Amino acid sequence: MKTVQISLNSIDRVKSFVNTITQFEYDFDLISGRYVIDAKSIMGIFSLDLSKPIDLAIHSEVNVDEIMEALKPYLI
């Protein structure tokens, strides 16, 4: 598992982010404070405070480089 910080500070970024990670079969969680949300859930993401950076937990040990390349626009 790998954890990175991302920024999803607009509706368009959230939509684009969800479209990007749904290409992968792995599980992704967004962690904000004590809340853990499925990162593939648009409704779940909008329940978080998007004005602050959010931790993204990537539950994969393989293809991490490919995932990180796809996530570059969202990384802090």
Protein backbone atom coordinates (compact mmCIF):
# COMPACT_ATOMS: atom_id res chain seq x y z
CA MET A 1 0.00 0.00 0.00
CA LYS A 2 1.18 3.51 -0.82
CA THR A 3 -0.23 6.81 0.48
CA VAL A 4 0.09 10.17 -1.31
CA GLN A 5 -1.48 13.60 -0.86
CA ILE A 6 -3.75 14.94 -3.57
CA SER A 7 -5.77 18.09 -4.21
CA LEU A 8 -9.35 17.93 -5.53
CA ASN A 9 -10.36 21.56 -5.19
CA SER A 10 -12.94 21.77 -8.01
CA ILE A 11 -15.86 19.75 -9.37
CA ASP A 12 -14.06 19.17 -12.67
CA ARG A 13 -10.98 17.84 -10.87
CA VAL A 14 -13.13 15.42 -8.87
CA LYS A 15 -14.82 14.09 -12.03
CA SER A 16 -11.51 13.75 -13.84
CA PHE A 17 -9.90 12.06 -10.81
CA VAL A 18 -12.69 9.47 -10.51
CA ASN A 19 -12.51 8.75 -14.26
CA THR A 20 -8.75 8.28 -13.96
CA ILE A 21 -8.75 5.85 -11.03
CA THR A 22 -11.71 3.77 -12.25
CA GLN A 23 -9.40 2.59 -15.03
CA PHE A 24 -7.56 0.57 -12.40
CA GLU A 25 -8.97 -2.54 -10.74
CA TYR A 26 -7.31 -1.80 -7.39
CA ASP A 27 -8.94 -0.27 -4.33
CA PHE A 28 -8.33 3.40 -3.50
CA ASP A 29 -9.36 5.16 -0.29
CA LEU A 30 -9.45 8.87 0.46
CA ILE A 31 -8.60 9.72 4.06
CA SER A 32 -9.54 13.08 5.54
CA GLY A 33 -9.27 13.28 9.31
CA ARG A 34 -11.24 10.36 10.71
CA TYR A 35 -13.19 9.77 7.49
CA VAL A 36 -12.24 7.05 5.01
CA ILE A 37 -14.10 7.17 1.69
CA ASP A 38 -13.97 4.92 -1.39
CA ALA A 39 -12.06 7.11 -3.86
CA LYS A 40 -14.15 5.79 -6.77
CA SER A 41 -17.33 7.24 -5.23
CA ILE A 42 -18.10 10.75 -6.46
CA MET A 43 -20.80 11.19 -3.80
CA GLY A 44 -18.37 10.08 -1.11
CA ILE A 45 -15.71 12.53 -2.28
CA PHE A 46 -18.14 15.45 -2.13
CA SER A 47 -18.78 14.63 1.54
CA LEU A 48 -15.16 15.60 2.32
CA ASP A 49 -13.63 19.04 2.87
CA LEU A 50 -12.08 19.55 -0.58
CA SER A 51 -10.41 22.84 0.33
CA LYS A 52 -7.59 20.91 2.04
CA PRO A 53 -5.19 18.24 0.74
CA ILE A 54 -6.52 14.70 1.07
CA ASP A 55 -4.55 11.48 1.62
CA LEU A 56 -5.04 8.83 -1.07
CA ALA A 57 -4.30 5.24 -0.06
CA ILE A 58 -3.47 3.03 -3.04
CA HIS A 59 -4.08 -0.62 -2.19
CA SER A 60 -1.72 -2.19 -4.71
CA GLU A 61 1.82 -3.49 -4.71
CA VAL A 62 1.98 -3.85 -8.51
CA ASN A 63 1.75 -1.22 -11.26
CA VAL A 64 2.36 1.54 -8.70
CA ASP A 65 4.50 3.49 -11.21
CA GLU A 66 1.67 3.40 -13.77
CA ILE A 67 -0.84 4.55 -11.14
CA MET A 68 1.44 7.38 -9.98
CA GLU A 69 1.89 8.57 -13.57
CA ALA A 70 -1.90 8.71 -14.04
CA LEU A 71 -2.27 10.62 -10.74
CA LYS A 72 0.36 13.29 -11.51
CA PRO A 73 -2.17 16.10 -12.18
CA TYR A 74 -3.66 15.63 -8.68
CA LEU A 75 -0.51 15.16 -6.60
CA ILE A 76 0.69 17.91 -4.28
